[in-house]
Amino acid sequence: MLRVGSIVVRVTDLPRQEAFWTAALDYEPREPTRDDDFIVLRPRDGVGPNVSLDAHPTGLPIPPRIHLDLYTEHQAEEIARLESLGGTRVHWDKRPDDADYEIMADPEGNRFCVVDVTR
């Protein structure tokens, strides 16, 4: 049987992206030392898949073929926290007015959604 072990995000500035994603998700590096071009982040509480950062500069495909959906019961507060870490909201003309998600981007423009699970 297969399971998702890690979701890989291609990045340009590995230290900056490590700082954003560890703070955003309360993750930590799996290993005490890391390569200069790849790091695996894991949940501090052990629940959920890893997020791996691969320092491999590429063009940013819009829309992205794969993105993260981050679930929360406190959407407004989490969006504000992510913005304070360097995340930004992404406007999309086709987003429904009653959508339960907000599209955001990390400091390098990699998109993800913050989903309100209470709706």
PDB file of N, CA and C in Angstrom:
ATOM      1  N   MET A   1       0.846  -1.180   0.000  1.00  0.00           N
ATOM      2  CA  MET A   1       0.000   0.000   0.000  1.00  0.00           C
ATOM      3  C   MET A   1       0.889   1.239   0.000  1.00  0.00           C
ATOM      4  N   LEU A   2       0.483   2.269  -0.730  1.00  0.00           N
ATOM      5  CA  LEU A   2       1.227   3.515  -0.801  1.00  0.00           C
ATOM      6  C   LEU A   2       0.603   4.571   0.100  1.00  0.00           C
ATOM      7  N   ARG A   3       1.427   5.509   0.522  1.00  0.00           N
ATOM      8  CA  ARG A   3       0.938   6.665   1.263  1.00  0.00           C
ATOM      9  C   ARG A   3       1.813   7.848   0.888  1.00  0.00           C
ATOM     10  N   VAL A   4       1.315   9.041   1.051  1.00  0.00           N
ATOM     11  CA  VAL A   4       2.105  10.236   0.756  1.00  0.00           C
ATOM     12  C   VAL A   4       3.124  10.400   1.874  1.00  0.00           C
ATOM     13  N   GLY A   5       4.391  10.378   1.522  1.00  0.00           N
ATOM     14  CA  GLY A   5       5.450  10.541   2.505  1.00  0.00           C
ATOM     15  C   GLY A   5       5.967  11.959   2.555  1.00  0.00           C
ATOM     16  N   SER A   6       6.036  12.598   1.381  1.00  0.00           N
ATOM     17  CA  SER A   6       6.552  13.951   1.320  1.00  0.00           C
ATOM     18  C   SER A   6       5.998  14.653   0.090  1.00  0.00           C
ATOM     19  N   ILE A   7       5.739  15.916   0.243  1.00  0.00           N
ATOM     20  CA  ILE A   7       5.332  16.779  -0.853  1.00  0.00           C
ATOM     21  C   ILE A   7       6.538  17.670  -1.134  1.00  0.00           C
ATOM     22  N   VAL A   8       7.003  17.681  -2.368  1.00  0.00           N
ATOM     23  CA  VAL A   8       8.231  18.395  -2.715  1.00  0.00           C
ATOM     24  C   VAL A   8       7.883  19.724  -3.377  1.00  0.00           C
ATOM     25  N   VAL A   9       8.512  20.791  -2.889  1.00  0.00           N
ATOM     26  CA  VAL A   9       8.332  22.127  -3.441  1.00  0.00           C
ATOM     27  C   VAL A   9       9.686  22.588  -3.966  1.00  0.00           C
ATOM     28  N   ARG A  10       9.730  22.989  -5.227  1.00  0.00           N
ATOM     29  CA  ARG A  10      10.970  23.526  -5.793  1.00  0.00           C
ATOM     30  C   ARG A  10      11.109  24.981  -5.372  1.00  0.00           C
ATOM     31  N   VAL A  11      12.315  25.332  -4.923  1.00  0.00           N
ATOM     32  CA  VAL A  11      12.562  26.674  -4.403  1.00  0.00           C
ATOM     33  C   VAL A  11      13.890  27.205  -4.940  1.00  0.00           C
ATOM     34  N   THR A  12      14.080  28.504  -4.815  1.00  0.00           N
ATOM     35  CA  THR A  12      15.337  29.138  -5.209  1.00  0.00           C
ATOM     36  C   THR A  12      16.190  29.430  -3.977  1.00  0.00           C
ATOM     37  N   ASP A  13      15.595  30.059  -2.962  1.00  0.00           N
ATOM     38  CA  ASP A  13      16.306  30.453  -1.745  1.00  0.00           C
ATOM     39  C   ASP A  13      15.944  29.467  -0.626  1.00  0.00           C
ATOM     40  N   LEU A  14      16.726  28.420  -0.494  1.00  0.00           N
ATOM     41  CA  LEU A  14      16.409  27.348   0.455  1.00  0.00           C
ATOM     42  C   LEU A  14      16.306  27.836   1.903  1.00  0.00           C
ATOM     43  N   PRO A  15      17.260  28.624   2.424  1.00  0.00           N
ATOM     44  CA  PRO A  15      17.124  29.070   3.817  1.00  0.00           C
ATOM     45  C   PRO A  15      15.858  29.908   4.067  1.00  0.00           C
ATOM     46  N   ARG A  16      15.531  30.794   3.135  1.00  0.00           N
ATOM     47  CA  ARG A  16      14.337  31.628   3.306  1.00  0.00           C
ATOM     48  C   ARG A  16      13.068  30.775   3.284  1.00  0.00           C
ATOM     49  N   GLN A  17      13.009  29.823   2.361  1.00  0.00           N
ATOM     50  CA  GLN A  17      11.838  28.964   2.268  1.00  0.00           C
ATOM     51  C   GLN A  17      11.744  28.015   3.468  1.00  0.00           C
ATOM     52  N   GLU A  18      12.889  27.553   3.963  1.00  0.00           N
ATOM     53  CA  GLU A  18      12.891  26.728   5.177  1.00  0.00           C
ATOM     54  C   GLU A  18      12.304  27.517   6.346  1.00  0.00           C
ATOM     55  N   ALA A  19      12.718  28.766   6.495  1.00  0.00           N
ATOM     56  CA  ALA A  19      12.202  29.603   7.582  1.00  0.00           C
ATOM     57  C   ALA A  19      10.693  29.797   7.441  1.00  0.00           C
ATOM     58  N   PHE A  20      10.213  30.066   6.229  1.00  0.00           N
ATOM     59  CA  PHE A  20       8.779  30.281   6.023  1.00  0.00           C
ATOM     60  C   PHE A  20       7.981  29.025   6.346  1.00  0.00           C
ATOM     61  N   TRP A  21       8.342  27.892   5.747  1.00  0.00           N
ATOM     62  CA  TRP A  21       7.534  26.685   5.900  1.00  0.00           C
ATOM     63  C   TRP A  21       7.629  26.065   7.287  1.00  0.00           C
ATOM     64  N   THR A  22       8.778  26.162   7.952  1.00  0.00           N
ATOM     65  CA  THR A  22       8.839  25.636   9.325  1.00  0.00           C
ATOM     66  C   THR A  22       7.942  26.460  10.241  1.00  0.00           C
ATOM     67  N   ALA A  23       7.934  27.781  10.057  1.00  0.00           N
ATOM     68  CA  ALA A  23       7.070  28.630  10.879  1.00  0.00           C
ATOM     69  C   ALA A  23       5.606  28.489  10.478  1.00  0.00           C
ATOM     70  N   ALA A  24       5.333  28.407   9.184  1.00  0.00           N
ATOM     71  CA  ALA A  24       3.949  28.322   8.711  1.00  0.00           C
ATOM     72  C   ALA A  24       3.268  27.053   9.204  1.00  0.00           C
ATOM     73  N   LEU A  25       3.980  25.929   9.162  1.00  0.00           N
ATOM     74  CA  LEU A  25       3.370  24.633   9.471  1.00  0.00           C
ATOM     75  C   LEU A  25       3.762  24.052  10.817  1.00  0.00           C
ATOM     76  N   ASP A  26       4.631  24.746  11.559  1.00  0.00           N
ATOM     77  CA  ASP A  26       5.214  24.206  12.789  1.00  0.00           C
ATOM     78  C   ASP A  26       5.917  22.881  12.503  1.00  0.00           C
ATOM     79  N   TYR A  27       6.719  22.894  11.455  1.00  0.00           N
ATOM     80  CA  TYR A  27       7.533  21.751  11.061  1.00  0.00           C
ATOM     81  C   TYR A  27       8.968  21.979  11.517  1.00  0.00           C
ATOM     82  N   GLU A  28       9.761  20.940  11.425  1.00  0.00           N
ATOM     83  CA  GLU A  28      11.180  21.022  11.761  1.00  0.00           C
ATOM     84  C   GLU A  28      11.966  20.189  10.757  1.00  0.00           C
ATOM     85  N   PRO A  29      13.247  20.499  10.588  1.00  0.00           N
ATOM     86  CA  PRO A  29      14.059  19.667   9.705  1.00  0.00           C
ATOM     87  C   PRO A  29      14.124  18.238  10.231  1.00  0.00           C
ATOM     88  N   ARG A  30      14.005  17.267   9.335  1.00  0.00           N
ATOM     89  CA  ARG A  30      14.075  15.859   9.738  1.00  0.00           C
ATOM     90  C   ARG A  30      15.471  15.507  10.219  1.00  0.00           C
ATOM     91  N   GLU A  31      16.493  16.072   9.581  1.00  0.00           N
ATOM     92  CA  GLU A  31      17.890  15.816   9.942  1.00  0.00           C
ATOM     93  C   GLU A  31      18.477  17.057  10.598  1.00  0.00           C
ATOM     94  N   PRO A  32      19.408  16.889  11.553  1.00  0.00           N
ATOM     95  CA  PRO A  32      20.019  18.058  12.201  1.00  0.00           C
ATOM     96  C   PRO A  32      20.856  18.898  11.235  1.00  0.00           C
ATOM     97  N   THR A  33      21.414  18.277  10.213  1.00  0.00           N
ATOM     98  CA  THR A  33      22.133  19.015   9.176  1.00  0.00           C
ATOM     99  C   THR A  33      21.440  18.731   7.852  1.00  0.00           C
ATOM    100  N   ARG A  34      21.602  19.635   6.904  1.00  0.00           N
ATOM    101  CA  ARG A  34      20.937  19.444   5.620  1.00  0.00           C
ATOM    102  C   ARG A  34      21.916  19.667   4.482  1.00  0.00           C
ATOM    103  N   ASP A  35      21.532  19.154   3.321  1.00  0.00           N
ATOM    104  CA  ASP A  35      22.289  19.434   2.111  1.00  0.00           C
ATOM    105  C   ASP A  35      22.080  20.892   1.739  1.00  0.00           C
ATOM    106  N   ASP A  36      22.927  21.397   0.865  1.00  0.00           N
ATOM    107  CA  ASP A  36      22.765  22.773   0.401  1.00  0.00           C
ATOM    108  C   ASP A  36      21.633  22.924  -0.597  1.00  0.00           C
ATOM    109  N   ASP A  37      21.109  21.787  -1.092  1.00  0.00           N
ATOM    110  CA  ASP A  37      20.096  21.884  -2.132  1.00  0.00           C
ATOM    111  C   ASP A  37      18.809  21.110  -1.854  1.00  0.00           C
ATOM    112  N   PHE A  38      18.683  20.496  -0.679  1.00  0.00           N
ATOM    113  CA  PHE A  38      17.475  19.713  -0.397  1.00  0.00           C
ATOM    114  C   PHE A  38      17.317  19.564   1.111  1.00  0.00           C
ATOM    115  N   ILE A  39      16.091  19.719   1.577  1.00  0.00           N
ATOM    116  CA  ILE A  39      15.811  19.520   2.993  1.00  0.00           C
ATOM    117  C   ILE A  39      14.423  18.908   3.147  1.00  0.00           C
ATOM    118  N   VAL A  40      14.300  17.984   4.081  1.00  0.00           N
ATOM    119  CA  VAL A  40      13.011  17.380   4.397  1.00  0.00           C
ATOM    120  C   VAL A  40      12.541  17.977   5.722  1.00  0.00           C
ATOM    121  N   LEU A  41      11.344  18.555   5.697  1.00  0.00           N
ATOM    122  CA  LEU A  41      10.727  19.098   6.904  1.00  0.00           C
ATOM    123  C   LEU A  41       9.634  18.134   7.345  1.00  0.00           C
ATOM    124  N   ARG A  42       9.534  17.935   8.659  1.00  0.00           N
ATOM    125  CA  ARG A  42       8.520  17.014   9.183  1.00  0.00           C
ATOM    126  C   ARG A  42       7.700  17.710  10.262  1.00  0.00           C
ATOM    127  N   PRO A  43       6.477  17.224  10.474  1.00  0.00           N
ATOM    128  CA  PRO A  43       5.642  17.815  11.519  1.00  0.00           C
ATOM    129  C   PRO A  43       6.257  17.562  12.902  1.00  0.00           C
ATOM    130  N   ARG A  44       6.287  18.601  13.735  1.00  0.00           N
ATOM    131  CA  ARG A  44       6.824  18.433  15.095  1.00  0.00           C
ATOM    132  C   ARG A  44       6.033  17.394  15.878  1.00  0.00           C
ATOM    133  N   ASP A  45       4.712  17.334  15.643  1.00  0.00           N
ATOM    134  CA  ASP A  45       3.880  16.387  16.387  1.00  0.00           C
ATOM    135  C   ASP A  45       3.806  15.016  15.721  1.00  0.00           C
ATOM    136  N   GLY A  46       4.480  14.844  14.588  1.00  0.00           N
ATOM    137  CA  GLY A  46       4.511  13.553  13.911  1.00  0.00           C
ATOM    138  C   GLY A  46       3.284  13.230  13.090  1.00  0.00           C
ATOM    139  N   VAL A  47       2.341  14.157  12.977  1.00  0.00           N
ATOM    140  CA  VAL A  47       1.109  13.906  12.242  1.00  0.00           C
ATOM    141  C   VAL A  47       1.139  14.656  10.924  1.00  0.00           C
ATOM    142  N   GLY A  48       1.018  13.931   9.829  1.00  0.00           N
ATOM    143  CA  GLY A  48       0.963  14.550   8.505  1.00  0.00           C
ATOM    144  C   GLY A  48       2.178  14.225   7.663  1.00  0.00           C
ATOM    145  N   PRO A  49       2.106  14.549   6.386  1.00  0.00           N
ATOM    146  CA  PRO A  49       3.218  14.248   5.488  1.00  0.00           C
ATOM    147  C   PRO A  49       4.370  15.236   5.670  1.00  0.00           C
ATOM    148  N   ASN A  50       5.530  14.823   5.225  1.00  0.00           N
ATOM    149  CA  ASN A  50       6.682  15.721   5.173  1.00  0.00           C
ATOM    150  C   ASN A  50       6.483  16.721   4.043  1.00  0.00           C
ATOM    151  N   VAL A  51       7.174  17.846   4.144  1.00  0.00           N
ATOM    152  CA  VAL A  51       7.292  18.795   3.044  1.00  0.00           C
ATOM    153  C   VAL A  51       8.787  18.932   2.777  1.00  0.00           C
ATOM    154  N   SER A  52       9.181  18.598   1.547  1.00  0.00           N
ATOM    155  CA  SER A  52      10.593  18.675   1.171  1.00  0.00           C
ATOM    156  C   SER A  52      10.811  19.889   0.294  1.00  0.00           C
ATOM    157  N   LEU A  53      11.914  20.575   0.517  1.00  0.00           N
ATOM    158  CA  LEU A  53      12.274  21.747  -0.277  1.00  0.00           C
ATOM    159  C   LEU A  53      13.473  21.381  -1.137  1.00  0.00           C
ATOM    160  N   ASP A  54      13.321  21.546  -2.438  1.00  0.00           N
ATOM    161  CA  ASP A  54      14.337  21.176  -3.415  1.00  0.00           C
ATOM    162  C   ASP A  54      14.837  22.446  -4.096  1.00  0.00           C
ATOM    163  N   ALA A  55      16.079  22.841  -3.797  1.00  0.00           N
ATOM    164  CA  ALA A  55      16.655  24.044  -4.391  1.00  0.00           C
ATOM    165  C   ALA A  55      16.964  23.761  -5.858  1.00  0.00           C
ATOM    166  N   HIS A  56      16.031  24.131  -6.677  1.00  0.00           N
ATOM    167  CA  HIS A  56      16.141  23.870  -8.109  1.00  0.00           C
ATOM    168  C   HIS A  56      15.378  24.976  -8.823  1.00  0.00           C
ATOM    169  N   PRO A  57      16.064  26.045  -9.180  1.00  0.00           N
ATOM    170  CA  PRO A  57      15.360  27.177  -9.801  1.00  0.00           C
ATOM    171  C   PRO A  57      14.647  26.756 -11.085  1.00  0.00           C
ATOM    172  N   THR A  58      13.366  27.059 -11.143  1.00  0.00           N
ATOM    173  CA  THR A  58      12.565  26.787 -12.332  1.00  0.00           C
ATOM    174  C   THR A  58      11.586  27.931 -12.508  1.00  0.00           C
ATOM    175  N   GLY A  59      11.026  28.010 -13.671  1.00  0.00           N
ATOM    176  CA  GLY A  59       9.964  28.984 -13.888  1.00  0.00           C
ATOM    177  C   GLY A  59       8.750  28.593 -13.078  1.00  0.00           C
ATOM    178  N   LEU A  60       7.954  29.552 -12.697  1.00  0.00           N
ATOM    179  CA  LEU A  60       6.774  29.308 -11.890  1.00  0.00           C
ATOM    180  C   LEU A  60       5.575  29.094 -12.810  1.00  0.00           C
ATOM    181  N   PRO A  61       5.097  27.844 -12.933  1.00  0.00           N
ATOM    182  CA  PRO A  61       3.942  27.616 -13.805  1.00  0.00           C
ATOM    183  C   PRO A  61       2.664  28.174 -13.183  1.00  0.00           C
ATOM    184  N   ILE A  62       1.932  28.936 -13.966  1.00  0.00           N
ATOM    185  CA  ILE A  62       0.680  29.511 -13.485  1.00  0.00           C
ATOM    186  C   ILE A  62      -0.428  29.038 -14.411  1.00  0.00           C
ATOM    187  N   PRO A  63      -1.447  28.389 -13.923  1.00  0.00           N
ATOM    188  CA  PRO A  63      -1.597  27.965 -12.539  1.00  0.00           C
ATOM    189  C   PRO A  63      -0.704  26.763 -12.252  1.00  0.00           C
ATOM    190  N   PRO A  64      -0.359  26.562 -10.982  1.00  0.00           N
ATOM    191  CA  PRO A  64       0.502  25.422 -10.646  1.00  0.00           C
ATOM    192  C   PRO A  64      -0.222  24.107 -10.882  1.00  0.00           C
ATOM    193  N   ARG A  65       0.529  23.097 -11.244  1.00  0.00           N
ATOM    194  CA  ARG A  65      -0.081  21.790 -11.486  1.00  0.00           C
ATOM    195  C   ARG A  65      -0.439  21.097 -10.178  1.00  0.00           C
ATOM    196  N   ILE A  66       0.321  21.351  -9.122  1.00  0.00           N
ATOM    197  CA  ILE A  66       0.061  20.778  -7.801  1.00  0.00           C
ATOM    198  C   ILE A  66       0.270  21.879  -6.773  1.00  0.00           C
ATOM    199  N   HIS A  67      -0.570  21.900  -5.753  1.00  0.00           N
ATOM    200  CA  HIS A  67      -0.382  22.865  -4.665  1.00  0.00           C
ATOM    201  C   HIS A  67      -0.837  22.232  -3.359  1.00  0.00           C
ATOM    202  N   LEU A  68      -0.503  22.879  -2.246  1.00  0.00           N
ATOM    203  CA  LEU A  68      -0.923  22.419  -0.928  1.00  0.00           C
ATOM    204  C   LEU A  68      -2.257  23.053  -0.558  1.00  0.00           C
ATOM    205  N   ASP A  69      -3.153  22.286   0.048  1.00  0.00           N
ATOM    206  CA  ASP A  69      -4.347  22.811   0.706  1.00  0.00           C
ATOM    207  C   ASP A  69      -4.100  22.671   2.199  1.00  0.00           C
ATOM    208  N   LEU A  70      -4.027  23.802   2.888  1.00  0.00           N
ATOM    209  CA  LEU A  70      -3.788  23.812   4.331  1.00  0.00           C
ATOM    210  C   LEU A  70      -5.123  24.050   5.025  1.00  0.00           C
ATOM    211  N   TYR A  71      -5.532  23.129   5.886  1.00  0.00           N
ATOM    212  CA  TYR A  71      -6.831  23.182   6.558  1.00  0.00           C
ATOM    213  C   TYR A  71      -6.712  23.881   7.912  1.00  0.00           C
ATOM    214  N   THR A  72      -7.721  24.677   8.227  1.00  0.00           N
ATOM    215  CA  THR A  72      -7.742  25.366   9.506  1.00  0.00           C
ATOM    216  C   THR A  72      -9.171  25.671   9.932  1.00  0.00           C
ATOM    217  N   GLU A  73      -9.377  25.780  11.230  1.00  0.00           N
ATOM    218  CA  GLU A  73     -10.651  26.232  11.787  1.00  0.00           C
ATOM    219  C   GLU A  73     -10.620  27.738  12.048  1.00  0.00           C
ATOM    220  N   HIS A  74      -9.472  28.370  11.824  1.00  0.00           N
ATOM    221  CA  HIS A  74      -9.288  29.806  12.111  1.00  0.00           C
ATOM    222  C   HIS A  74      -8.641  30.477  10.898  1.00  0.00           C
ATOM    223  N   GLN A  75      -9.380  30.526   9.803  1.00  0.00           N
ATOM    224  CA  GLN A  75      -8.827  30.973   8.534  1.00  0.00           C
ATOM    225  C   GLN A  75      -8.266  32.393   8.585  1.00  0.00           C
ATOM    226  N   ALA A  76      -9.031  33.344   9.075  1.00  0.00           N
ATOM    227  CA  ALA A  76      -8.571  34.739   9.085  1.00  0.00           C
ATOM    228  C   ALA A  76      -7.290  34.900   9.889  1.00  0.00           C
ATOM    229  N   GLU A  77      -7.232  34.250  11.055  1.00  0.00           N
ATOM    230  CA  GLU A  77      -6.041  34.351  11.890  1.00  0.00           C
ATOM    231  C   GLU A  77      -4.826  33.710  11.226  1.00  0.00           C
ATOM    232  N   GLU A  78      -5.033  32.560  10.588  1.00  0.00           N
ATOM    233  CA  GLU A  78      -3.925  31.886   9.920  1.00  0.00           C
ATOM    234  C   GLU A  78      -3.427  32.674   8.718  1.00  0.00           C
ATOM    235  N   ILE A  79      -4.345  33.271   7.967  1.00  0.00           N
ATOM    236  CA  ILE A  79      -3.928  34.098   6.830  1.00  0.00           C
ATOM    237  C   ILE A  79      -3.097  35.274   7.311  1.00  0.00           C
ATOM    238  N   ALA A  80      -3.526  35.920   8.376  1.00  0.00           N
ATOM    239  CA  ALA A  80      -2.757  37.042   8.932  1.00  0.00           C
ATOM    240  C   ALA A  80      -1.377  36.582   9.395  1.00  0.00           C
ATOM    241  N   ARG A  81      -1.310  35.420  10.030  1.00  0.00           N
ATOM    242  CA  ARG A  81      -0.012  34.891  10.489  1.00  0.00           C
ATOM    243  C   ARG A  81       0.890  34.582   9.306  1.00  0.00           C
ATOM    244  N   LEU A  82       0.341  33.955   8.271  1.00  0.00           N
ATOM    245  CA  LEU A  82       1.136  33.622   7.092  1.00  0.00           C
ATOM    246  C   LEU A  82       1.622  34.882   6.380  1.00  0.00           C
ATOM    247  N   GLU A  83       0.791  35.914   6.346  1.00  0.00           N
ATOM    248  CA  GLU A  83       1.219  37.184   5.758  1.00  0.00           C
ATOM    249  C   GLU A  83       2.363  37.789   6.572  1.00  0.00           C
ATOM    250  N   SER A  84       2.317  37.660   7.888  1.00  0.00           N
ATOM    251  CA  SER A  84       3.398  38.200   8.720  1.00  0.00           C
ATOM    252  C   SER A  84       4.716  37.457   8.497  1.00  0.00           C
ATOM    253  N   LEU A  85       4.632  36.220   7.992  1.00  0.00           N
ATOM    254  CA  LEU A  85       5.822  35.426   7.698  1.00  0.00           C
ATOM    255  C   LEU A  85       6.352  35.673   6.286  1.00  0.00           C
ATOM    256  N   GLY A  86       5.632  36.446   5.489  1.00  0.00           N
ATOM    257  CA  GLY A  86       6.064  36.727   4.121  1.00  0.00           C
ATOM    258  C   GLY A  86       5.171  36.145   3.051  1.00  0.00           C
ATOM    259  N   GLY A  87       4.092  35.470   3.442  1.00  0.00           N
ATOM    260  CA  GLY A  87       3.130  34.966   2.470  1.00  0.00           C
ATOM    261  C   GLY A  87       2.272  36.104   1.937  1.00  0.00           C
ATOM    262  N   THR A  88       1.695  35.900   0.769  1.00  0.00           N
ATOM    263  CA  THR A  88       0.835  36.925   0.171  1.00  0.00           C
ATOM    264  C   THR A  88      -0.446  36.275  -0.352  1.00  0.00           C
ATOM    265  N   ARG A  89      -1.519  37.053  -0.376  1.00  0.00           N
ATOM    266  CA  ARG A  89      -2.770  36.594  -0.978  1.00  0.00           C
ATOM    267  C   ARG A  89      -2.653  36.714  -2.496  1.00  0.00           C
ATOM    268  N   VAL A  90      -3.302  35.784  -3.178  1.00  0.00           N
ATOM    269  CA  VAL A  90      -3.290  35.769  -4.639  1.00  0.00           C
ATOM    270  C   VAL A  90      -4.718  35.974  -5.131  1.00  0.00           C
ATOM    271  N   HIS A  91      -4.926  36.994  -5.937  1.00  0.00           N
ATOM    272  CA  HIS A  91      -6.249  37.253  -6.497  1.00  0.00           C
ATOM    273  C   HIS A  91      -6.486  36.324  -7.689  1.00  0.00           C
ATOM    274  N   TRP A  92      -7.693  35.759  -7.763  1.00  0.00           N
ATOM    275  CA  TRP A  92      -8.096  34.932  -8.890  1.00  0.00           C
ATOM    276  C   TRP A  92      -9.511  35.325  -9.268  1.00  0.00           C
ATOM    277  N   ASP A  93      -9.694  35.813 -10.486  1.00  0.00           N
ATOM    278  CA  ASP A  93     -11.004  36.306 -10.937  1.00  0.00           C
ATOM    279  C   ASP A  93     -12.108  35.256 -10.867  1.00  0.00           C
ATOM    280  N   LYS A  94     -11.754  33.973 -10.974  1.00  0.00           N
ATOM    281  CA  LYS A  94     -12.768  32.920 -11.017  1.00  0.00           C
ATOM    282  C   LYS A  94     -13.096  32.333  -9.642  1.00  0.00           C
ATOM    283  N   ARG A  95     -12.507  32.869  -8.590  1.00  0.00           N
ATOM    284  CA  ARG A  95     -12.795  32.369  -7.246  1.00  0.00           C
ATOM    285  C   ARG A  95     -14.226  32.739  -6.869  1.00  0.00           C
ATOM    286  N   PRO A  96     -15.052  31.761  -6.496  1.00  0.00           N
ATOM    287  CA  PRO A  96     -16.442  32.067  -6.115  1.00  0.00           C
ATOM    288  C   PRO A  96     -16.485  32.938  -4.851  1.00  0.00           C
ATOM    289  N   ASP A  97     -17.507  33.777  -4.762  1.00  0.00           N
ATOM    290  CA  ASP A  97     -17.663  34.654  -3.595  1.00  0.00           C
ATOM    291  C   ASP A  97     -17.805  33.866  -2.302  1.00  0.00           C
ATOM    292  N   ASP A  98     -18.390  32.673  -2.376  1.00  0.00           N
ATOM    293  CA  ASP A  98     -18.609  31.865  -1.177  1.00  0.00           C
ATOM    294  C   ASP A  98     -17.549  30.775  -0.991  1.00  0.00           C
ATOM    295  N   ALA A  99     -16.404  30.936  -1.616  1.00  0.00           N
ATOM    296  CA  ALA A  99     -15.343  29.921  -1.532  1.00  0.00           C
ATOM    297  C   ALA A  99     -14.890  29.742  -0.089  1.00  0.00           C
ATOM    298  N   ASP A 100     -14.577  28.499   0.272  1.00  0.00           N
ATOM    299  CA  ASP A 100     -14.081  28.210   1.623  1.00  0.00           C
ATOM    300  C   ASP A 100     -12.558  28.279   1.679  1.00  0.00           C
ATOM    301  N   TYR A 101     -11.919  28.727   0.632  1.00  0.00           N
ATOM    302  CA  TYR A 101     -10.459  28.785   0.562  1.00  0.00           C
ATOM    303  C   TYR A 101      -9.987  30.176   0.163  1.00  0.00           C
ATOM    304  N   GLU A 102      -8.773  30.469   0.553  1.00  0.00           N
ATOM    305  CA  GLU A 102      -8.077  31.682   0.137  1.00  0.00           C
ATOM    306  C   GLU A 102      -6.782  31.238  -0.517  1.00  0.00           C
ATOM    307  N   ILE A 103      -6.506  31.722  -1.712  1.00  0.00           N
ATOM    308  CA  ILE A 103      -5.271  31.378  -2.408  1.00  0.00           C
ATOM    309  C   ILE A 103      -4.159  32.286  -1.898  1.00  0.00           C
ATOM    310  N   MET A 104      -3.021  31.662  -1.569  1.00  0.00           N
ATOM    311  CA  MET A 104      -1.868  32.415  -1.090  1.00  0.00           C
ATOM    312  C   MET A 104      -0.613  31.935  -1.808  1.00  0.00           C
ATOM    313  N   ALA A 105       0.465  32.666  -1.592  1.00  0.00           N
ATOM    314  CA  ALA A 105       1.759  32.286  -2.153  1.00  0.00           C
ATOM    315  C   ALA A 105       2.816  32.446  -1.080  1.00  0.00           C
ATOM    316  N   ASP A 106       3.808  31.556  -1.102  1.00  0.00           N
ATOM    317  CA  ASP A 106       4.936  31.685  -0.186  1.00  0.00           C
ATOM    318  C   ASP A 106       5.857  32.793  -0.695  1.00  0.00           C
ATOM    319  N   PRO A 107       6.959  33.110  -0.013  1.00  0.00           N
ATOM    320  CA  PRO A 107       7.817  34.221  -0.437  1.00  0.00           C
ATOM    321  C   PRO A 107       8.376  34.111  -1.859  1.00  0.00           C
ATOM    322  N   GLU A 108       8.396  32.924  -2.441  1.00  0.00           N
ATOM    323  CA  GLU A 108       8.882  32.773  -3.815  1.00  0.00           C
ATOM    324  C   GLU A 108       7.758  32.635  -4.830  1.00  0.00           C
ATOM    325  N   GLY A 109       6.514  32.757  -4.372  1.00  0.00           N
ATOM    326  CA  GLY A 109       5.392  32.701  -5.292  1.00  0.00           C
ATOM    327  C   GLY A 109       4.755  31.336  -5.455  1.00  0.00           C
ATOM    328  N   ASN A 110       5.246  30.301  -4.742  1.00  0.00           N
ATOM    329  CA  ASN A 110       4.620  28.984  -4.792  1.00  0.00           C
ATOM    330  C   ASN A 110       3.247  29.084  -4.137  1.00  0.00           C
ATOM    331  N   ARG A 111       2.224  28.682  -4.851  1.00  0.00           N
ATOM    332  CA  ARG A 111       0.861  28.862  -4.367  1.00  0.00           C
ATOM    333  C   ARG A 111       0.386  27.724  -3.486  1.00  0.00           C
ATOM    334  N   PHE A 112      -0.499  28.089  -2.563  1.00  0.00           N
ATOM    335  CA  PHE A 112      -1.172  27.130  -1.690  1.00  0.00           C
ATOM    336  C   PHE A 112      -2.499  27.746  -1.287  1.00  0.00           C
ATOM    337  N   CYS A 113      -3.395  26.929  -0.773  1.00  0.00           N
ATOM    338  CA  CYS A 113      -4.695  27.428  -0.331  1.00  0.00           C
ATOM    339  C   CYS A 113      -4.842  27.241   1.171  1.00  0.00           C
ATOM    340  N   VAL A 114      -5.489  28.194   1.815  1.00  0.00           N
ATOM    341  CA  VAL A 114      -5.847  28.087   3.217  1.00  0.00           C
ATOM    342  C   VAL A 114      -7.360  27.845   3.240  1.00  0.00           C
ATOM    343  N   VAL A 115      -7.741  26.649   3.666  1.00  0.00           N
ATOM    344  CA  VAL A 115      -9.126  26.204   3.585  1.00  0.00           C
ATOM    345  C   VAL A 115      -9.782  26.272   4.976  1.00  0.00           C
ATOM    346  N   ASP A 116     -10.956  26.887   5.018  1.00  0.00           N
ATOM    347  CA  ASP A 116     -11.744  26.974   6.249  1.00  0.00           C
ATOM    348  C   ASP A 116     -12.553  25.690   6.380  1.00  0.00           C
ATOM    349  N   VAL A 117     -12.187  24.821   7.315  1.00  0.00           N
ATOM    350  CA  VAL A 117     -12.865  23.530   7.461  1.00  0.00           C
ATOM    351  C   VAL A 117     -14.162  23.638   8.262  1.00  0.00           C
ATOM    352  N   THR A 118     -14.493  24.817   8.764  1.00  0.00           N
ATOM    353  CA  THR A 118     -15.730  24.965   9.521  1.00  0.00           C
ATOM    354  C   THR A 118     -16.929  25.206   8.617  1.00  0.00           C
ATOM    355  N   ARG A 119     -16.697  25.423   7.334  1.00  0.00           N
ATOM    356  CA  ARG A 119     -17.807  25.676   6.399  1.00  0.00           C
ATOM    357  C   ARG A 119     -18.213  24.451   5.648  1.00  0.00           C
TER     358      ARG A 119
END
